[in-house]
N, C-alpha and C. Protein backbone atom coordinates (compact mmCIF):
# COMPACT_ATOMS: atom_id res chain seq x y z
N UNK A 1 -3.23 6.19 -14.73
CA UNK A 1 -4.50 5.48 -14.53
C UNK A 1 -5.69 6.43 -14.41
N UNK A 2 -5.49 7.59 -13.80
CA UNK A 2 -6.63 8.47 -13.59
C UNK A 2 -6.63 9.68 -14.51
N UNK A 3 -5.65 9.78 -15.38
CA UNK A 3 -5.64 10.89 -16.35
C UNK A 3 -6.59 10.66 -17.50
N UNK A 4 -7.04 9.47 -17.67
CA UNK A 4 -7.94 9.16 -18.79
C UNK A 4 -9.31 9.70 -18.50
N UNK A 5 -10.18 9.68 -19.46
CA UNK A 5 -11.58 10.07 -19.25
C UNK A 5 -12.22 9.05 -18.32
N UNK A 6 -13.19 9.52 -17.52
CA UNK A 6 -13.88 8.56 -16.64
C UNK A 6 -14.50 7.43 -17.47
N UNK A 7 -14.48 6.22 -16.95
CA UNK A 7 -15.11 5.12 -17.67
C UNK A 7 -16.64 5.28 -17.72
N UNK A 8 -17.27 4.66 -18.69
CA UNK A 8 -18.74 4.69 -18.71
C UNK A 8 -19.31 3.98 -17.50
N UNK A 9 -20.48 4.42 -17.11
CA UNK A 9 -21.10 3.81 -15.89
C UNK A 9 -22.62 3.93 -16.00
N UNK A 10 -23.28 3.12 -15.24
CA UNK A 10 -24.70 3.25 -15.04
C UNK A 10 -24.93 4.02 -13.73
N UNK A 11 -25.53 5.19 -13.83
CA UNK A 11 -25.67 6.05 -12.70
C UNK A 11 -26.69 5.57 -11.66
N UNK A 12 -26.46 6.00 -10.44
CA UNK A 12 -27.43 5.73 -9.36
C UNK A 12 -27.27 6.87 -8.35
N UNK A 13 -28.17 6.91 -7.40
CA UNK A 13 -28.15 7.91 -6.31
C UNK A 13 -26.98 7.57 -5.38
N UNK A 14 -26.15 8.57 -5.10
CA UNK A 14 -24.94 8.37 -4.28
C UNK A 14 -25.02 9.20 -2.99
N UNK A 15 -24.46 8.66 -1.96
CA UNK A 15 -24.29 9.39 -0.71
C UNK A 15 -23.16 10.40 -0.80
N UNK A 16 -22.04 10.00 -1.34
CA UNK A 16 -20.81 10.77 -1.62
C UNK A 16 -19.98 11.14 -0.41
N UNK A 17 -20.40 10.68 0.77
CA UNK A 17 -19.52 10.80 1.96
C UNK A 17 -19.77 9.56 2.82
N UNK A 18 -19.86 8.42 2.14
CA UNK A 18 -20.15 7.16 2.82
C UNK A 18 -18.90 6.60 3.47
N UNK A 19 -18.91 6.58 4.79
CA UNK A 19 -17.81 6.03 5.57
C UNK A 19 -18.39 5.61 6.95
N UNK A 20 -17.60 4.88 7.74
CA UNK A 20 -18.13 4.35 9.00
C UNK A 20 -18.71 5.39 9.93
N UNK A 21 -18.22 6.62 9.89
CA UNK A 21 -18.71 7.68 10.79
C UNK A 21 -20.11 8.14 10.43
N UNK A 22 -20.58 7.83 9.23
CA UNK A 22 -21.93 8.22 8.79
C UNK A 22 -22.92 7.06 8.80
N UNK A 23 -22.55 5.97 9.43
CA UNK A 23 -23.37 4.79 9.47
C UNK A 23 -23.83 4.59 10.95
N UNK A 24 -25.10 4.38 11.15
CA UNK A 24 -25.67 4.06 12.46
C UNK A 24 -25.86 2.54 12.57
N UNK A 25 -25.57 2.04 13.76
CA UNK A 25 -25.69 0.60 13.98
C UNK A 25 -26.62 0.32 15.16
N UNK A 26 -27.21 -0.87 15.14
CA UNK A 26 -28.01 -1.35 16.23
C UNK A 26 -27.56 -2.76 16.58
N UNK A 27 -27.78 -3.19 17.80
CA UNK A 27 -27.41 -4.54 18.21
C UNK A 27 -25.98 -4.61 18.71
N UNK A 28 -25.55 -5.82 18.96
CA UNK A 28 -24.17 -6.01 19.45
C UNK A 28 -23.67 -7.39 19.01
N UNK A 29 -22.37 -7.55 19.06
CA UNK A 29 -21.76 -8.83 18.65
C UNK A 29 -22.13 -9.24 17.25
N UNK A 30 -22.50 -10.49 17.08
CA UNK A 30 -22.90 -11.02 15.77
C UNK A 30 -24.22 -10.46 15.30
N UNK A 31 -24.97 -9.82 16.21
CA UNK A 31 -26.26 -9.24 15.87
C UNK A 31 -26.24 -7.80 15.42
N UNK A 32 -25.03 -7.23 15.26
CA UNK A 32 -24.92 -5.84 14.82
C UNK A 32 -25.46 -5.70 13.41
N UNK A 33 -26.31 -4.68 13.22
CA UNK A 33 -26.90 -4.42 11.92
C UNK A 33 -26.89 -2.91 11.65
N UNK A 34 -26.85 -2.52 10.39
CA UNK A 34 -26.94 -1.12 10.04
C UNK A 34 -28.39 -0.71 10.21
N UNK A 35 -28.59 0.40 10.92
CA UNK A 35 -29.95 0.91 11.15
C UNK A 35 -30.21 2.21 10.42
N UNK A 36 -29.17 2.81 9.88
CA UNK A 36 -29.36 4.04 9.13
C UNK A 36 -28.03 4.63 8.64
N UNK A 37 -28.17 5.57 7.74
CA UNK A 37 -26.99 6.30 7.18
C UNK A 37 -27.38 7.78 7.31
N UNK A 38 -26.45 8.59 7.87
CA UNK A 38 -26.71 10.01 8.08
C UNK A 38 -25.78 10.87 7.22
N UNK A 39 -26.00 12.21 7.26
CA UNK A 39 -25.18 13.17 6.56
C UNK A 39 -25.26 13.06 5.08
N UNK A 40 -26.40 13.42 4.57
CA UNK A 40 -26.70 13.28 3.13
C UNK A 40 -26.50 14.60 2.35
N UNK A 41 -25.69 15.52 2.85
CA UNK A 41 -25.56 16.82 2.17
C UNK A 41 -24.72 16.75 0.87
N UNK A 42 -23.98 15.72 0.65
CA UNK A 42 -23.14 15.62 -0.54
C UNK A 42 -23.74 14.76 -1.62
N UNK A 43 -24.97 14.42 -1.51
CA UNK A 43 -25.59 13.48 -2.46
C UNK A 43 -25.42 13.93 -3.92
N UNK A 44 -25.38 12.92 -4.78
CA UNK A 44 -25.26 13.21 -6.21
C UNK A 44 -25.69 11.99 -7.00
N UNK A 45 -25.45 12.04 -8.30
CA UNK A 45 -25.77 10.96 -9.18
C UNK A 45 -24.48 10.52 -9.87
N UNK A 46 -24.22 9.23 -9.91
CA UNK A 46 -23.01 8.78 -10.58
C UNK A 46 -22.81 7.26 -10.36
N UNK A 47 -21.58 6.79 -10.57
CA UNK A 47 -21.33 5.36 -10.41
C UNK A 47 -21.28 4.93 -8.97
N UNK A 48 -21.89 3.80 -8.64
CA UNK A 48 -21.84 3.25 -7.30
C UNK A 48 -20.40 3.08 -6.86
N UNK A 49 -19.50 2.88 -7.81
CA UNK A 49 -18.08 2.72 -7.49
C UNK A 49 -17.54 3.90 -6.66
N UNK A 50 -18.10 5.08 -6.79
CA UNK A 50 -17.62 6.22 -6.02
C UNK A 50 -17.90 6.06 -4.55
N UNK A 51 -19.11 5.64 -4.17
CA UNK A 51 -19.41 5.42 -2.76
C UNK A 51 -18.59 4.25 -2.21
N UNK A 52 -18.44 3.21 -2.98
CA UNK A 52 -17.63 2.04 -2.55
C UNK A 52 -16.17 2.50 -2.38
N UNK A 53 -15.70 3.30 -3.32
CA UNK A 53 -14.28 3.78 -3.25
C UNK A 53 -14.08 4.63 -1.99
N UNK A 54 -15.00 5.53 -1.69
CA UNK A 54 -14.82 6.40 -0.54
C UNK A 54 -14.84 5.59 0.78
N UNK A 55 -15.77 4.70 0.91
CA UNK A 55 -15.84 3.89 2.11
C UNK A 55 -14.64 2.98 2.22
N UNK A 56 -14.19 2.45 1.11
CA UNK A 56 -13.02 1.58 1.11
C UNK A 56 -11.77 2.30 1.55
N UNK A 57 -11.62 3.53 1.05
CA UNK A 57 -10.43 4.33 1.50
C UNK A 57 -10.50 4.59 2.99
N UNK A 58 -11.68 4.97 3.47
CA UNK A 58 -11.84 5.25 4.91
C UNK A 58 -11.54 4.01 5.72
N UNK A 59 -12.04 2.84 5.30
CA UNK A 59 -11.75 1.62 6.02
C UNK A 59 -10.27 1.28 6.03
N UNK A 60 -9.62 1.50 4.89
CA UNK A 60 -8.17 1.22 4.79
C UNK A 60 -7.39 2.14 5.75
N UNK A 61 -7.76 3.40 5.81
CA UNK A 61 -7.06 4.33 6.68
C UNK A 61 -7.37 4.07 8.15
N UNK A 62 -8.58 3.77 8.46
CA UNK A 62 -8.98 3.59 9.88
C UNK A 62 -8.55 2.23 10.44
N UNK A 63 -8.60 1.18 9.62
CA UNK A 63 -8.39 -0.16 10.17
C UNK A 63 -7.28 -0.95 9.51
N UNK A 64 -6.81 -0.52 8.36
CA UNK A 64 -5.77 -1.22 7.63
C UNK A 64 -6.17 -1.54 6.20
N UNK A 65 -5.18 -1.65 5.32
CA UNK A 65 -5.49 -1.81 3.90
C UNK A 65 -6.39 -2.99 3.56
N UNK A 66 -6.22 -4.08 4.29
CA UNK A 66 -7.04 -5.28 4.00
C UNK A 66 -8.53 -5.02 4.18
N UNK A 67 -8.93 -4.12 5.05
CA UNK A 67 -10.33 -3.80 5.24
C UNK A 67 -10.84 -3.00 4.06
N UNK A 68 -10.09 -2.05 3.57
CA UNK A 68 -10.52 -1.31 2.39
C UNK A 68 -10.53 -2.19 1.15
N UNK A 69 -9.55 -3.05 0.99
CA UNK A 69 -9.47 -3.90 -0.16
C UNK A 69 -10.61 -4.93 -0.20
N UNK A 70 -11.10 -5.32 0.98
CA UNK A 70 -12.16 -6.33 1.04
C UNK A 70 -13.59 -5.78 1.01
N UNK A 71 -13.75 -4.46 1.03
CA UNK A 71 -15.07 -3.90 1.16
C UNK A 71 -15.93 -4.18 -0.09
N UNK A 72 -15.35 -4.14 -1.28
CA UNK A 72 -16.13 -4.37 -2.50
C UNK A 72 -16.86 -5.73 -2.42
N UNK A 73 -16.18 -6.76 -2.01
CA UNK A 73 -16.79 -8.09 -1.96
C UNK A 73 -17.94 -8.13 -0.96
N UNK A 74 -17.78 -7.51 0.19
CA UNK A 74 -18.87 -7.43 1.15
C UNK A 74 -20.04 -6.64 0.64
N UNK A 75 -19.77 -5.53 -0.05
CA UNK A 75 -20.79 -4.71 -0.64
C UNK A 75 -21.60 -5.52 -1.67
N UNK A 76 -20.91 -6.18 -2.55
CA UNK A 76 -21.59 -6.96 -3.59
C UNK A 76 -22.33 -8.19 -3.04
N UNK A 77 -21.75 -8.81 -2.01
CA UNK A 77 -22.37 -10.01 -1.39
C UNK A 77 -23.70 -9.63 -0.73
N UNK A 78 -23.80 -8.41 -0.27
CA UNK A 78 -25.03 -7.98 0.38
C UNK A 78 -26.01 -7.26 -0.52
N UNK A 79 -25.79 -7.34 -1.86
CA UNK A 79 -26.74 -6.84 -2.80
C UNK A 79 -26.55 -5.42 -3.29
N UNK A 80 -25.34 -4.88 -3.15
CA UNK A 80 -25.09 -3.51 -3.65
C UNK A 80 -25.19 -3.42 -5.16
N UNK A 81 -25.22 -2.24 -5.67
CA UNK A 81 -25.25 -1.99 -7.12
C UNK A 81 -24.08 -2.66 -7.83
N UNK A 82 -24.31 -3.01 -9.06
CA UNK A 82 -23.21 -3.56 -9.88
C UNK A 82 -22.08 -2.55 -10.00
N UNK A 83 -20.86 -3.03 -9.83
CA UNK A 83 -19.68 -2.18 -9.93
C UNK A 83 -18.89 -2.51 -11.19
N UNK A 84 -18.07 -1.57 -11.60
CA UNK A 84 -17.20 -1.76 -12.73
C UNK A 84 -16.17 -2.86 -12.45
N UNK A 85 -15.55 -3.34 -13.53
CA UNK A 85 -14.52 -4.38 -13.39
C UNK A 85 -13.15 -3.80 -13.69
N UNK A 86 -12.10 -4.49 -13.20
CA UNK A 86 -10.73 -4.22 -13.53
C UNK A 86 -10.33 -2.77 -13.49
N UNK A 87 -9.72 -2.29 -14.58
CA UNK A 87 -9.23 -0.92 -14.61
C UNK A 87 -10.29 0.14 -14.47
N UNK A 88 -11.51 -0.14 -14.87
CA UNK A 88 -12.60 0.85 -14.68
C UNK A 88 -12.86 1.03 -13.20
N UNK A 89 -12.95 -0.04 -12.44
CA UNK A 89 -13.15 0.06 -11.00
C UNK A 89 -11.94 0.73 -10.37
N UNK A 90 -10.76 0.36 -10.80
CA UNK A 90 -9.53 0.94 -10.28
C UNK A 90 -9.55 2.46 -10.44
N UNK A 91 -10.02 2.92 -11.54
CA UNK A 91 -10.10 4.40 -11.77
C UNK A 91 -10.81 5.08 -10.63
N UNK A 92 -11.99 4.59 -10.27
CA UNK A 92 -12.77 5.22 -9.21
C UNK A 92 -12.08 5.09 -7.84
N UNK A 93 -11.49 3.92 -7.58
CA UNK A 93 -10.84 3.69 -6.29
C UNK A 93 -9.62 4.59 -6.14
N UNK A 94 -8.80 4.72 -7.21
CA UNK A 94 -7.64 5.60 -7.15
C UNK A 94 -8.03 7.05 -7.04
N UNK A 95 -9.08 7.42 -7.77
CA UNK A 95 -9.54 8.82 -7.70
C UNK A 95 -9.84 9.23 -6.28
N UNK A 96 -10.45 8.34 -5.50
CA UNK A 96 -10.78 8.66 -4.12
C UNK A 96 -9.51 8.60 -3.26
N UNK A 97 -8.77 7.50 -3.34
CA UNK A 97 -7.60 7.29 -2.48
C UNK A 97 -6.57 8.38 -2.67
N UNK A 98 -6.34 8.83 -3.89
CA UNK A 98 -5.31 9.81 -4.12
C UNK A 98 -5.70 11.22 -3.67
N UNK A 99 -6.97 11.41 -3.33
CA UNK A 99 -7.41 12.67 -2.79
C UNK A 99 -6.78 12.91 -1.39
N UNK A 100 -6.26 11.84 -0.77
CA UNK A 100 -5.64 11.92 0.56
C UNK A 100 -4.13 12.09 0.50
N UNK A 101 -3.59 12.24 -0.68
CA UNK A 101 -2.15 12.48 -0.85
C UNK A 101 -1.95 13.97 -0.92
N UNK A 102 -0.96 14.56 -0.30
CA UNK A 102 0.11 13.94 0.49
C UNK A 102 -0.20 13.86 2.00
N UNK A 103 -1.44 14.15 2.39
CA UNK A 103 -1.71 14.25 3.83
C UNK A 103 -2.89 13.35 4.21
N UNK A 104 -2.60 12.04 4.34
CA UNK A 104 -3.67 11.11 4.72
C UNK A 104 -4.22 11.39 6.10
N UNK A 105 -3.46 12.08 6.94
CA UNK A 105 -3.90 12.36 8.27
C UNK A 105 -5.02 13.39 8.35
N UNK A 106 -5.31 14.07 7.22
CA UNK A 106 -6.35 15.07 7.28
C UNK A 106 -7.75 14.48 7.59
N UNK A 107 -7.92 13.22 7.27
CA UNK A 107 -9.22 12.61 7.58
C UNK A 107 -9.35 12.13 9.04
N UNK A 108 -8.24 12.15 9.76
CA UNK A 108 -8.24 11.53 11.07
C UNK A 108 -8.58 12.42 12.22
N UNK A 109 -8.70 13.74 12.00
CA UNK A 109 -8.96 14.63 13.10
C UNK A 109 -10.12 14.26 14.00
N UNK A 110 -11.34 14.09 13.42
CA UNK A 110 -12.46 13.69 14.27
C UNK A 110 -12.27 12.34 14.96
N UNK A 111 -11.56 11.42 14.33
CA UNK A 111 -11.35 10.12 14.89
C UNK A 111 -10.36 10.19 16.07
N UNK A 112 -9.36 11.02 15.94
CA UNK A 112 -8.40 11.18 17.04
C UNK A 112 -9.11 11.84 18.25
N UNK A 113 -10.03 12.76 17.97
CA UNK A 113 -10.77 13.37 19.07
C UNK A 113 -11.63 12.34 19.83
N UNK A 114 -11.97 11.27 19.13
CA UNK A 114 -12.75 10.19 19.76
C UNK A 114 -11.87 9.12 20.37
N UNK A 115 -10.55 9.37 20.41
CA UNK A 115 -9.64 8.45 21.09
C UNK A 115 -8.77 7.58 20.19
N UNK A 116 -8.84 7.76 18.89
CA UNK A 116 -8.02 6.95 17.97
C UNK A 116 -6.63 7.56 17.84
N UNK A 117 -5.86 7.51 18.91
CA UNK A 117 -4.53 8.11 18.91
C UNK A 117 -3.54 7.32 18.02
N UNK A 118 -3.94 6.15 17.61
CA UNK A 118 -3.12 5.33 16.67
C UNK A 118 -3.06 5.89 15.27
N UNK A 119 -3.98 6.80 14.95
CA UNK A 119 -4.05 7.37 13.61
C UNK A 119 -3.06 8.49 13.41
N UNK A 120 -1.78 8.16 13.50
CA UNK A 120 -0.73 9.14 13.32
C UNK A 120 -0.46 9.36 11.83
N UNK A 121 0.15 10.48 11.47
CA UNK A 121 0.47 10.68 10.06
C UNK A 121 1.27 9.53 9.43
N UNK A 122 2.24 9.04 10.19
CA UNK A 122 3.07 7.91 9.67
C UNK A 122 2.22 6.65 9.45
N UNK A 123 1.37 6.32 10.38
CA UNK A 123 0.53 5.13 10.26
C UNK A 123 -0.43 5.28 9.08
N UNK A 124 -1.06 6.43 8.96
CA UNK A 124 -2.02 6.66 7.88
C UNK A 124 -1.34 6.67 6.52
N UNK A 125 -0.15 7.28 6.45
CA UNK A 125 0.61 7.27 5.17
C UNK A 125 0.97 5.89 4.78
N UNK A 126 1.41 5.10 5.74
CA UNK A 126 1.75 3.69 5.44
C UNK A 126 0.54 2.88 4.99
N UNK A 127 -0.58 3.07 5.64
CA UNK A 127 -1.81 2.35 5.26
C UNK A 127 -2.25 2.79 3.87
N UNK A 128 -2.20 4.09 3.60
CA UNK A 128 -2.63 4.55 2.28
C UNK A 128 -1.71 3.99 1.18
N UNK A 129 -0.42 4.00 1.39
CA UNK A 129 0.50 3.44 0.41
C UNK A 129 0.27 1.95 0.17
N UNK A 130 0.04 1.18 1.25
CA UNK A 130 -0.23 -0.22 1.09
C UNK A 130 -1.57 -0.47 0.41
N UNK A 131 -2.55 0.35 0.72
CA UNK A 131 -3.86 0.23 0.09
C UNK A 131 -3.80 0.47 -1.40
N UNK A 132 -3.14 1.55 -1.83
CA UNK A 132 -2.99 1.86 -3.25
C UNK A 132 -2.22 0.75 -3.94
N UNK A 133 -1.14 0.24 -3.34
CA UNK A 133 -0.41 -0.87 -3.94
C UNK A 133 -1.32 -2.11 -4.09
N UNK A 134 -2.15 -2.34 -3.09
CA UNK A 134 -3.09 -3.47 -3.15
C UNK A 134 -4.11 -3.30 -4.28
N UNK A 135 -4.58 -2.08 -4.46
CA UNK A 135 -5.53 -1.77 -5.53
C UNK A 135 -4.87 -2.04 -6.90
N UNK A 136 -3.67 -1.60 -7.07
CA UNK A 136 -2.96 -1.81 -8.33
C UNK A 136 -2.76 -3.28 -8.62
N UNK A 137 -2.40 -3.99 -7.58
CA UNK A 137 -2.16 -5.46 -7.72
C UNK A 137 -3.45 -6.17 -8.09
N UNK A 138 -4.57 -5.75 -7.50
CA UNK A 138 -5.82 -6.44 -7.69
C UNK A 138 -6.51 -6.07 -8.98
N UNK A 139 -6.46 -4.79 -9.40
CA UNK A 139 -7.33 -4.34 -10.48
C UNK A 139 -6.62 -3.86 -11.76
N UNK A 140 -5.32 -3.60 -11.72
CA UNK A 140 -4.62 -3.11 -12.90
C UNK A 140 -4.35 -4.22 -13.84
N UNK A 141 -4.61 -3.97 -15.11
CA UNK A 141 -4.30 -4.96 -16.16
C UNK A 141 -2.79 -5.08 -16.33
N UNK A 142 -2.34 -6.27 -16.67
CA UNK A 142 -0.94 -6.48 -17.00
C UNK A 142 -0.04 -6.50 -15.77
N UNK A 143 -0.60 -6.68 -14.59
CA UNK A 143 0.21 -6.77 -13.37
C UNK A 143 0.17 -8.13 -12.82
């Protein structure tokens, strides 16, 4: 799936490290809103799918595969850039997710320091596997 050439895309400005740790929030309960995004040192130009893919992988690892799998719909519902369809979107999602193989726990260090002791290598590996399987089921043609 990812050995092919990158699919065509309409470029936009990207954060390139978009994940919950780089998002600032204000309010509480149902009134929580995003108030800012920090850490812009990795910015680039490319497909919006890359930022969505990176945040989706982080959500899947931090909270479970269903959170990562559902991020695209929330992003689009709130007016995000147009994303690729089917296998083209899958390309970007797998490209990001597979960067965590074979050590999904490498992303968890700062989160464990903040008290997320549940982010064990076994838990993260299981979440990553389930997330990738979910991506293939959702976006791969002929499945």
